[in-house]
């Protein structure tokens, strides 16, 4: 999977690229034919109430948006969560179809319309975000010892 980071901050761009690359490796997405664009957007939390979100964007193109004001820990956890959704979409487990002008989710081929907290793809992302984030922090601690 190729990833590009779109942000104004050069330092943040390097950090987010490194974190995204790590999660691509951890989630076995390295050989995926999808392209990923990560947009760092100011005011996302204010506008939508979300730290981030992932979506499909045309043929073999996935996007992640994260709020630019998140601290380092929030950025890592948000990217971990959204990268789980990236994997779900890249493997076809999670798909969105436009039906009568609405973005409708399908999980394992079945249309799902339940409250946010009951969505199976969110349960999976919540379950994996901390595991992925902790793997990254553990790796950084090991590297800092040498």
N, C-alpha and C. Protein backbone atom coordinates (compact mmCIF):
# COMPACT_ATOMS: atom_id res chain seq x y z
N UNK A 1 0.85 -1.17 0.00
CA UNK A 1 0.00 0.00 0.00
C UNK A 1 0.89 1.23 0.00
N UNK A 2 0.64 2.09 -0.93
CA UNK A 2 1.34 3.37 -0.96
C UNK A 2 0.55 4.37 -0.12
N UNK A 3 1.29 5.19 0.63
CA UNK A 3 0.61 6.18 1.47
C UNK A 3 1.22 7.55 1.23
N UNK A 4 0.36 8.55 1.16
CA UNK A 4 0.81 9.94 1.08
C UNK A 4 0.15 10.70 2.22
N UNK A 5 0.90 11.64 2.79
CA UNK A 5 0.41 12.44 3.90
C UNK A 5 0.27 13.88 3.41
N UNK A 6 -0.89 14.46 3.66
CA UNK A 6 -1.15 15.83 3.23
C UNK A 6 -1.34 16.69 4.48
N UNK A 7 -0.35 17.54 4.74
CA UNK A 7 -0.40 18.45 5.88
C UNK A 7 0.52 19.63 5.60
N UNK A 8 0.34 20.70 6.36
CA UNK A 8 1.19 21.89 6.20
C UNK A 8 2.49 21.76 6.98
N UNK A 9 2.48 20.98 8.05
CA UNK A 9 3.64 20.87 8.94
C UNK A 9 4.58 19.76 8.48
N UNK A 10 5.82 20.12 8.18
CA UNK A 10 6.81 19.14 7.74
C UNK A 10 7.16 18.14 8.82
N UNK A 11 7.28 18.60 10.06
CA UNK A 11 7.61 17.71 11.17
C UNK A 11 6.47 16.72 11.41
N UNK A 12 5.26 17.22 11.44
CA UNK A 12 4.09 16.36 11.66
C UNK A 12 3.95 15.38 10.50
N UNK A 13 4.26 15.83 9.29
CA UNK A 13 4.16 14.97 8.12
C UNK A 13 5.08 13.76 8.26
N UNK A 14 6.32 13.99 8.68
CA UNK A 14 7.27 12.88 8.88
C UNK A 14 6.78 11.92 9.94
N UNK A 15 6.29 12.46 11.05
CA UNK A 15 5.79 11.64 12.14
C UNK A 15 4.61 10.80 11.69
N UNK A 16 3.63 11.42 11.05
CA UNK A 16 2.43 10.70 10.61
C UNK A 16 2.78 9.67 9.54
N UNK A 17 3.71 9.99 8.67
CA UNK A 17 4.13 9.03 7.65
C UNK A 17 4.77 7.81 8.31
N UNK A 18 5.62 8.03 9.31
CA UNK A 18 6.28 6.92 10.00
C UNK A 18 5.26 6.05 10.74
N UNK A 19 4.31 6.68 11.42
CA UNK A 19 3.28 5.95 12.15
C UNK A 19 2.39 5.17 11.18
N UNK A 20 1.97 5.82 10.10
CA UNK A 20 1.13 5.15 9.10
C UNK A 20 1.87 3.97 8.49
N UNK A 21 3.13 4.14 8.16
CA UNK A 21 3.93 3.05 7.59
C UNK A 21 4.03 1.87 8.55
N UNK A 22 4.21 2.17 9.84
CA UNK A 22 4.27 1.12 10.85
C UNK A 22 2.95 0.35 10.89
N UNK A 23 1.82 1.05 10.88
CA UNK A 23 0.53 0.38 10.93
C UNK A 23 0.25 -0.40 9.65
N UNK A 24 0.70 0.08 8.51
CA UNK A 24 0.57 -0.67 7.26
C UNK A 24 1.29 -2.01 7.39
N UNK A 25 2.48 -1.97 7.95
CA UNK A 25 3.26 -3.19 8.17
C UNK A 25 2.55 -4.12 9.16
N UNK A 26 2.12 -3.57 10.29
CA UNK A 26 1.48 -4.37 11.34
C UNK A 26 0.17 -5.01 10.88
N UNK A 27 -0.54 -4.33 10.02
CA UNK A 27 -1.85 -4.83 9.55
C UNK A 27 -1.74 -5.62 8.24
N UNK A 28 -0.49 -5.93 7.84
CA UNK A 28 -0.25 -6.72 6.63
C UNK A 28 -0.88 -6.11 5.38
N UNK A 29 -0.72 -4.80 5.24
CA UNK A 29 -1.27 -4.09 4.09
C UNK A 29 -0.19 -3.68 3.08
N UNK A 30 1.04 -4.06 3.35
CA UNK A 30 2.15 -3.63 2.51
C UNK A 30 1.95 -3.97 1.03
N UNK A 31 1.38 -5.13 0.75
CA UNK A 31 1.20 -5.56 -0.65
C UNK A 31 -0.16 -5.20 -1.23
N UNK A 32 -0.95 -4.45 -0.49
CA UNK A 32 -2.26 -4.05 -0.99
C UNK A 32 -2.11 -3.13 -2.20
N UNK A 33 -3.01 -3.27 -3.15
CA UNK A 33 -2.98 -2.42 -4.35
C UNK A 33 -3.70 -1.10 -4.14
N UNK A 34 -4.22 -0.87 -2.95
CA UNK A 34 -4.88 0.39 -2.64
C UNK A 34 -3.84 1.48 -2.41
N UNK A 35 -4.24 2.71 -2.66
CA UNK A 35 -3.45 3.88 -2.32
C UNK A 35 -4.16 4.57 -1.16
N UNK A 36 -3.38 5.04 -0.21
CA UNK A 36 -3.94 5.70 0.97
C UNK A 36 -3.47 7.14 1.02
N UNK A 37 -4.39 8.06 1.22
CA UNK A 37 -4.06 9.46 1.44
C UNK A 37 -4.52 9.81 2.86
N UNK A 38 -3.60 10.36 3.65
CA UNK A 38 -3.92 10.79 5.01
C UNK A 38 -3.89 12.30 5.02
N UNK A 39 -5.04 12.90 5.31
CA UNK A 39 -5.17 14.35 5.36
C UNK A 39 -5.20 14.80 6.82
N UNK A 40 -4.34 15.74 7.15
CA UNK A 40 -4.34 16.32 8.49
C UNK A 40 -5.11 17.62 8.37
N UNK A 41 -6.28 17.66 9.01
CA UNK A 41 -7.23 18.75 8.80
C UNK A 41 -7.47 19.53 10.08
N UNK A 42 -7.37 20.81 9.98
CA UNK A 42 -7.66 21.69 11.11
C UNK A 42 -9.16 21.77 11.34
N UNK A 43 -9.58 21.67 12.60
CA UNK A 43 -10.98 21.86 12.95
C UNK A 43 -11.88 20.66 12.75
N UNK A 44 -11.32 19.48 12.50
CA UNK A 44 -12.15 18.30 12.26
C UNK A 44 -13.01 17.97 13.49
N UNK A 45 -12.41 18.01 14.67
CA UNK A 45 -13.16 17.71 15.90
C UNK A 45 -14.29 18.72 16.07
N UNK A 46 -13.97 19.98 15.84
CA UNK A 46 -14.97 21.04 15.99
C UNK A 46 -16.13 20.87 15.00
N UNK A 47 -15.80 20.54 13.76
CA UNK A 47 -16.82 20.41 12.71
C UNK A 47 -17.67 19.15 12.85
N UNK A 48 -17.02 18.04 13.19
CA UNK A 48 -17.72 16.75 13.13
C UNK A 48 -17.81 16.01 14.46
N UNK A 49 -17.04 16.46 15.45
CA UNK A 49 -17.00 15.74 16.72
C UNK A 49 -16.14 14.50 16.69
N UNK A 50 -15.40 14.30 15.60
CA UNK A 50 -14.55 13.11 15.45
C UNK A 50 -13.08 13.50 15.40
N UNK A 51 -12.23 12.67 16.01
CA UNK A 51 -10.78 12.86 15.90
C UNK A 51 -10.30 12.51 14.50
N UNK A 52 -11.00 11.57 13.86
CA UNK A 52 -10.62 11.14 12.53
C UNK A 52 -11.69 10.27 11.91
N UNK A 53 -11.53 9.98 10.62
CA UNK A 53 -12.40 9.03 9.95
C UNK A 53 -11.72 8.51 8.69
N UNK A 54 -12.17 7.34 8.26
CA UNK A 54 -11.63 6.71 7.06
C UNK A 54 -12.77 6.47 6.09
N UNK A 55 -12.45 6.52 4.79
CA UNK A 55 -13.47 6.30 3.78
C UNK A 55 -12.81 5.80 2.49
N UNK A 56 -13.63 5.18 1.66
CA UNK A 56 -13.15 4.85 0.32
C UNK A 56 -13.34 6.09 -0.54
N UNK A 57 -12.54 6.16 -1.59
CA UNK A 57 -12.59 7.35 -2.45
C UNK A 57 -12.23 6.90 -3.85
N UNK A 58 -13.21 6.34 -4.53
CA UNK A 58 -12.95 5.89 -5.89
C UNK A 58 -12.27 4.54 -5.92
N UNK A 59 -11.88 4.14 -7.11
CA UNK A 59 -11.28 2.84 -7.34
C UNK A 59 -9.90 2.72 -6.69
N UNK A 60 -9.76 1.79 -5.78
CA UNK A 60 -8.48 1.48 -5.12
C UNK A 60 -7.86 2.67 -4.40
N UNK A 61 -8.69 3.59 -3.94
CA UNK A 61 -8.21 4.77 -3.22
C UNK A 61 -8.95 4.87 -1.88
N UNK A 62 -8.19 4.94 -0.80
CA UNK A 62 -8.76 5.11 0.54
C UNK A 62 -8.21 6.40 1.13
N UNK A 63 -9.01 7.03 1.99
CA UNK A 63 -8.57 8.27 2.63
C UNK A 63 -8.81 8.19 4.13
N UNK A 64 -7.93 8.84 4.86
CA UNK A 64 -8.08 9.02 6.30
C UNK A 64 -7.93 10.51 6.57
N UNK A 65 -8.80 11.04 7.39
CA UNK A 65 -8.69 12.41 7.86
C UNK A 65 -8.46 12.36 9.36
N UNK A 66 -7.50 13.16 9.86
CA UNK A 66 -7.30 13.28 11.30
C UNK A 66 -7.17 14.76 11.64
N UNK A 67 -7.59 15.10 12.84
CA UNK A 67 -7.55 16.49 13.27
C UNK A 67 -6.10 16.91 13.56
N UNK A 68 -5.75 18.09 13.11
CA UNK A 68 -4.38 18.59 13.28
C UNK A 68 -4.04 18.98 14.71
N UNK A 69 -5.05 19.18 15.55
CA UNK A 69 -4.80 19.65 16.92
C UNK A 69 -4.61 18.52 17.93
N UNK A 70 -4.67 17.27 17.48
CA UNK A 70 -4.50 16.14 18.40
C UNK A 70 -3.05 16.11 18.90
N UNK A 71 -2.87 15.72 20.17
CA UNK A 71 -1.52 15.55 20.67
C UNK A 71 -0.94 14.24 20.11
N UNK A 72 0.31 13.96 20.43
CA UNK A 72 0.99 12.81 19.85
C UNK A 72 0.27 11.49 20.17
N UNK A 73 -0.12 11.32 21.42
CA UNK A 73 -0.80 10.08 21.82
C UNK A 73 -2.15 9.94 21.12
N UNK A 74 -2.91 11.03 21.06
CA UNK A 74 -4.21 10.99 20.37
C UNK A 74 -4.04 10.71 18.88
N UNK A 75 -3.00 11.30 18.29
CA UNK A 75 -2.72 11.08 16.87
C UNK A 75 -2.45 9.61 16.60
N UNK A 76 -1.61 9.00 17.43
CA UNK A 76 -1.26 7.59 17.24
C UNK A 76 -2.49 6.71 17.40
N UNK A 77 -3.27 6.94 18.45
CA UNK A 77 -4.47 6.12 18.68
C UNK A 77 -5.50 6.32 17.57
N UNK A 78 -5.68 7.55 17.13
CA UNK A 78 -6.64 7.82 16.05
C UNK A 78 -6.18 7.15 14.76
N UNK A 79 -4.90 7.27 14.44
CA UNK A 79 -4.39 6.60 13.23
C UNK A 79 -4.52 5.09 13.33
N UNK A 80 -4.25 4.53 14.51
CA UNK A 80 -4.39 3.08 14.70
C UNK A 80 -5.83 2.67 14.42
N UNK A 81 -6.78 3.39 15.00
CA UNK A 81 -8.20 3.09 14.83
C UNK A 81 -8.60 3.18 13.35
N UNK A 82 -8.21 4.28 12.71
CA UNK A 82 -8.60 4.48 11.31
C UNK A 82 -7.90 3.50 10.37
N UNK A 83 -6.69 3.09 10.71
CA UNK A 83 -5.98 2.11 9.88
C UNK A 83 -6.65 0.73 9.95
N UNK A 84 -7.30 0.42 11.06
CA UNK A 84 -8.08 -0.82 11.12
C UNK A 84 -9.22 -0.72 10.10
N UNK A 85 -9.86 0.44 10.02
CA UNK A 85 -10.92 0.63 9.01
C UNK A 85 -10.34 0.54 7.59
N UNK A 86 -9.14 1.07 7.39
CA UNK A 86 -8.48 0.97 6.09
C UNK A 86 -8.32 -0.50 5.71
N UNK A 87 -7.87 -1.31 6.66
CA UNK A 87 -7.72 -2.74 6.37
C UNK A 87 -9.07 -3.37 6.07
N UNK A 88 -10.08 -3.02 6.84
CA UNK A 88 -11.42 -3.58 6.61
C UNK A 88 -11.90 -3.26 5.19
N UNK A 89 -11.65 -2.05 4.73
CA UNK A 89 -12.08 -1.67 3.39
C UNK A 89 -11.20 -2.30 2.32
N UNK A 90 -9.89 -2.35 2.56
CA UNK A 90 -8.96 -2.90 1.57
C UNK A 90 -9.18 -4.39 1.36
N UNK A 91 -9.66 -5.08 2.38
CA UNK A 91 -9.91 -6.52 2.26
C UNK A 91 -11.35 -6.83 1.86
N UNK A 92 -12.20 -5.79 1.75
CA UNK A 92 -13.57 -5.99 1.32
C UNK A 92 -14.54 -6.34 2.44
N UNK A 93 -14.04 -6.40 3.67
CA UNK A 93 -14.91 -6.72 4.79
C UNK A 93 -15.91 -5.60 5.04
N UNK A 94 -15.45 -4.36 4.89
CA UNK A 94 -16.29 -3.17 5.03
C UNK A 94 -16.37 -2.47 3.68
N UNK A 95 -17.58 -2.25 3.22
CA UNK A 95 -17.79 -1.55 1.96
C UNK A 95 -18.89 -0.52 2.16
N UNK A 96 -18.81 0.52 1.38
CA UNK A 96 -19.87 1.53 1.36
C UNK A 96 -20.43 1.61 -0.05
N UNK A 97 -21.74 1.67 -0.14
CA UNK A 97 -22.40 1.85 -1.44
C UNK A 97 -23.32 3.05 -1.32
N UNK A 98 -23.44 3.78 -2.41
CA UNK A 98 -24.37 4.90 -2.43
C UNK A 98 -25.72 4.39 -2.91
N UNK A 99 -26.70 4.50 -2.02
CA UNK A 99 -28.06 4.06 -2.32
C UNK A 99 -28.99 5.24 -2.08
N UNK A 100 -29.64 5.69 -3.15
CA UNK A 100 -30.55 6.84 -3.09
C UNK A 100 -29.87 8.05 -2.44
N UNK A 101 -28.62 8.27 -2.81
CA UNK A 101 -27.88 9.43 -2.32
C UNK A 101 -27.27 9.28 -0.94
N UNK A 102 -27.42 8.12 -0.32
CA UNK A 102 -26.86 7.91 1.02
C UNK A 102 -25.71 6.91 0.97
N UNK A 103 -24.71 7.16 1.79
CA UNK A 103 -23.53 6.30 1.95
C UNK A 103 -23.92 5.17 2.90
N UNK A 104 -24.20 3.97 2.39
CA UNK A 104 -24.70 2.86 3.20
C UNK A 104 -23.60 1.84 3.43
N UNK A 105 -23.36 1.46 4.70
CA UNK A 105 -22.30 0.48 5.00
C UNK A 105 -22.77 -0.96 4.83
N UNK A 106 -21.84 -1.79 4.35
CA UNK A 106 -22.04 -3.23 4.23
C UNK A 106 -20.89 -3.90 4.96
N UNK A 107 -21.21 -4.82 5.84
CA UNK A 107 -20.21 -5.56 6.62
C UNK A 107 -20.31 -7.02 6.22
N UNK A 108 -19.23 -7.57 5.71
CA UNK A 108 -19.21 -8.95 5.21
C UNK A 108 -20.33 -9.20 4.21
N UNK A 109 -20.56 -8.19 3.36
CA UNK A 109 -21.55 -8.33 2.29
C UNK A 109 -22.98 -8.05 2.68
N UNK A 110 -23.23 -7.77 3.96
CA UNK A 110 -24.59 -7.53 4.42
C UNK A 110 -24.78 -6.08 4.83
N UNK A 111 -25.89 -5.50 4.38
CA UNK A 111 -26.22 -4.12 4.74
C UNK A 111 -26.43 -4.04 6.26
N UNK A 112 -25.78 -3.04 6.87
CA UNK A 112 -25.87 -2.88 8.32
C UNK A 112 -26.30 -1.45 8.62
N UNK A 113 -27.41 -1.32 9.34
CA UNK A 113 -27.86 0.00 9.76
C UNK A 113 -28.21 -0.08 11.24
N UNK A 114 -27.19 0.18 12.06
CA UNK A 114 -27.34 0.17 13.52
C UNK A 114 -26.67 1.42 14.07
N UNK A 115 -26.90 1.70 15.33
CA UNK A 115 -26.26 2.84 15.98
C UNK A 115 -24.74 2.69 15.92
N UNK A 116 -24.07 3.83 15.95
CA UNK A 116 -22.60 3.86 15.86
C UNK A 116 -21.95 2.87 16.81
N UNK A 117 -22.37 2.87 18.07
CA UNK A 117 -21.72 2.04 19.08
C UNK A 117 -21.99 0.54 18.88
N UNK A 118 -22.91 0.18 18.01
CA UNK A 118 -23.23 -1.22 17.74
C UNK A 118 -22.64 -1.73 16.43
N UNK A 119 -21.91 -0.89 15.72
CA UNK A 119 -21.35 -1.29 14.43
C UNK A 119 -20.20 -2.28 14.65
N UNK A 120 -20.24 -3.44 14.00
CA UNK A 120 -19.19 -4.44 14.21
C UNK A 120 -17.80 -3.97 13.79
N UNK A 121 -17.72 -3.12 12.77
CA UNK A 121 -16.41 -2.62 12.34
C UNK A 121 -15.82 -1.67 13.37
N UNK A 122 -16.67 -0.97 14.10
CA UNK A 122 -16.17 -0.10 15.16
C UNK A 122 -15.68 -0.93 16.35
N UNK A 123 -16.41 -1.99 16.67
CA UNK A 123 -15.96 -2.86 17.75
C UNK A 123 -14.57 -3.41 17.46
N UNK A 124 -14.35 -3.82 16.22
CA UNK A 124 -13.05 -4.35 15.83
C UNK A 124 -11.97 -3.26 15.92
N UNK A 125 -12.28 -2.07 15.46
CA UNK A 125 -11.30 -0.97 15.50
C UNK A 125 -10.99 -0.57 16.93
N UNK A 126 -12.00 -0.49 17.80
CA UNK A 126 -11.76 -0.16 19.20
C UNK A 126 -10.89 -1.23 19.86
N UNK A 127 -11.13 -2.48 19.50
CA UNK A 127 -10.37 -3.58 20.08
C UNK A 127 -8.91 -3.59 19.67
N UNK A 128 -8.61 -3.11 18.48
CA UNK A 128 -7.25 -3.17 17.96
C UNK A 128 -6.46 -1.87 18.11
N UNK A 129 -7.13 -0.75 18.31
CA UNK A 129 -6.40 0.53 18.31
C UNK A 129 -5.36 0.60 19.42
N UNK A 130 -5.71 0.19 20.61
CA UNK A 130 -4.77 0.26 21.73
C UNK A 130 -3.64 -0.76 21.56
N UNK A 131 -3.95 -1.92 21.05
CA UNK A 131 -2.92 -2.94 20.79
C UNK A 131 -1.89 -2.40 19.81
N UNK A 132 -2.37 -1.84 18.70
CA UNK A 132 -1.45 -1.28 17.69
C UNK A 132 -0.65 -0.12 18.24
N UNK A 133 -1.31 0.79 18.95
CA UNK A 133 -0.61 1.95 19.52
C UNK A 133 0.46 1.48 20.50
N UNK A 134 0.13 0.51 21.34
CA UNK A 134 1.11 0.01 22.32
C UNK A 134 2.30 -0.67 21.65
N UNK A 135 2.07 -1.35 20.53
CA UNK A 135 3.19 -1.96 19.78
C UNK A 135 4.14 -0.87 19.29
N UNK A 136 3.58 0.22 18.81
CA UNK A 136 4.41 1.33 18.34
C UNK A 136 5.22 1.93 19.48
N UNK A 137 4.55 2.22 20.60
CA UNK A 137 5.26 2.82 21.75
C UNK A 137 6.34 1.87 22.27
N UNK A 138 6.07 0.57 22.29
CA UNK A 138 7.06 -0.41 22.76
C UNK A 138 8.28 -0.41 21.83
N UNK A 139 8.04 -0.35 20.54
CA UNK A 139 9.15 -0.30 19.58
C UNK A 139 9.98 0.95 19.77
N UNK A 140 9.34 2.07 19.98
CA UNK A 140 10.06 3.33 20.19
C UNK A 140 10.89 3.30 21.47
N UNK A 141 10.34 2.67 22.53
CA UNK A 141 11.10 2.55 23.78
C UNK A 141 12.34 1.71 23.58
N UNK A 142 12.22 0.61 22.83
CA UNK A 142 13.37 -0.27 22.57
C UNK A 142 14.42 0.47 21.76
N UNK A 143 14.00 1.18 20.73
CA UNK A 143 14.95 1.92 19.88
C UNK A 143 15.65 3.02 20.67
N UNK A 144 14.96 3.65 21.61
CA UNK A 144 15.57 4.71 22.39
C UNK A 144 16.61 4.21 23.40
N UNK A 145 16.60 2.91 23.67
CA UNK A 145 17.57 2.33 24.60
C UNK A 145 18.94 2.15 23.94
N UNK A 146 18.97 2.15 22.61
CA UNK A 146 20.23 1.89 21.90
C UNK A 146 20.80 3.11 21.26
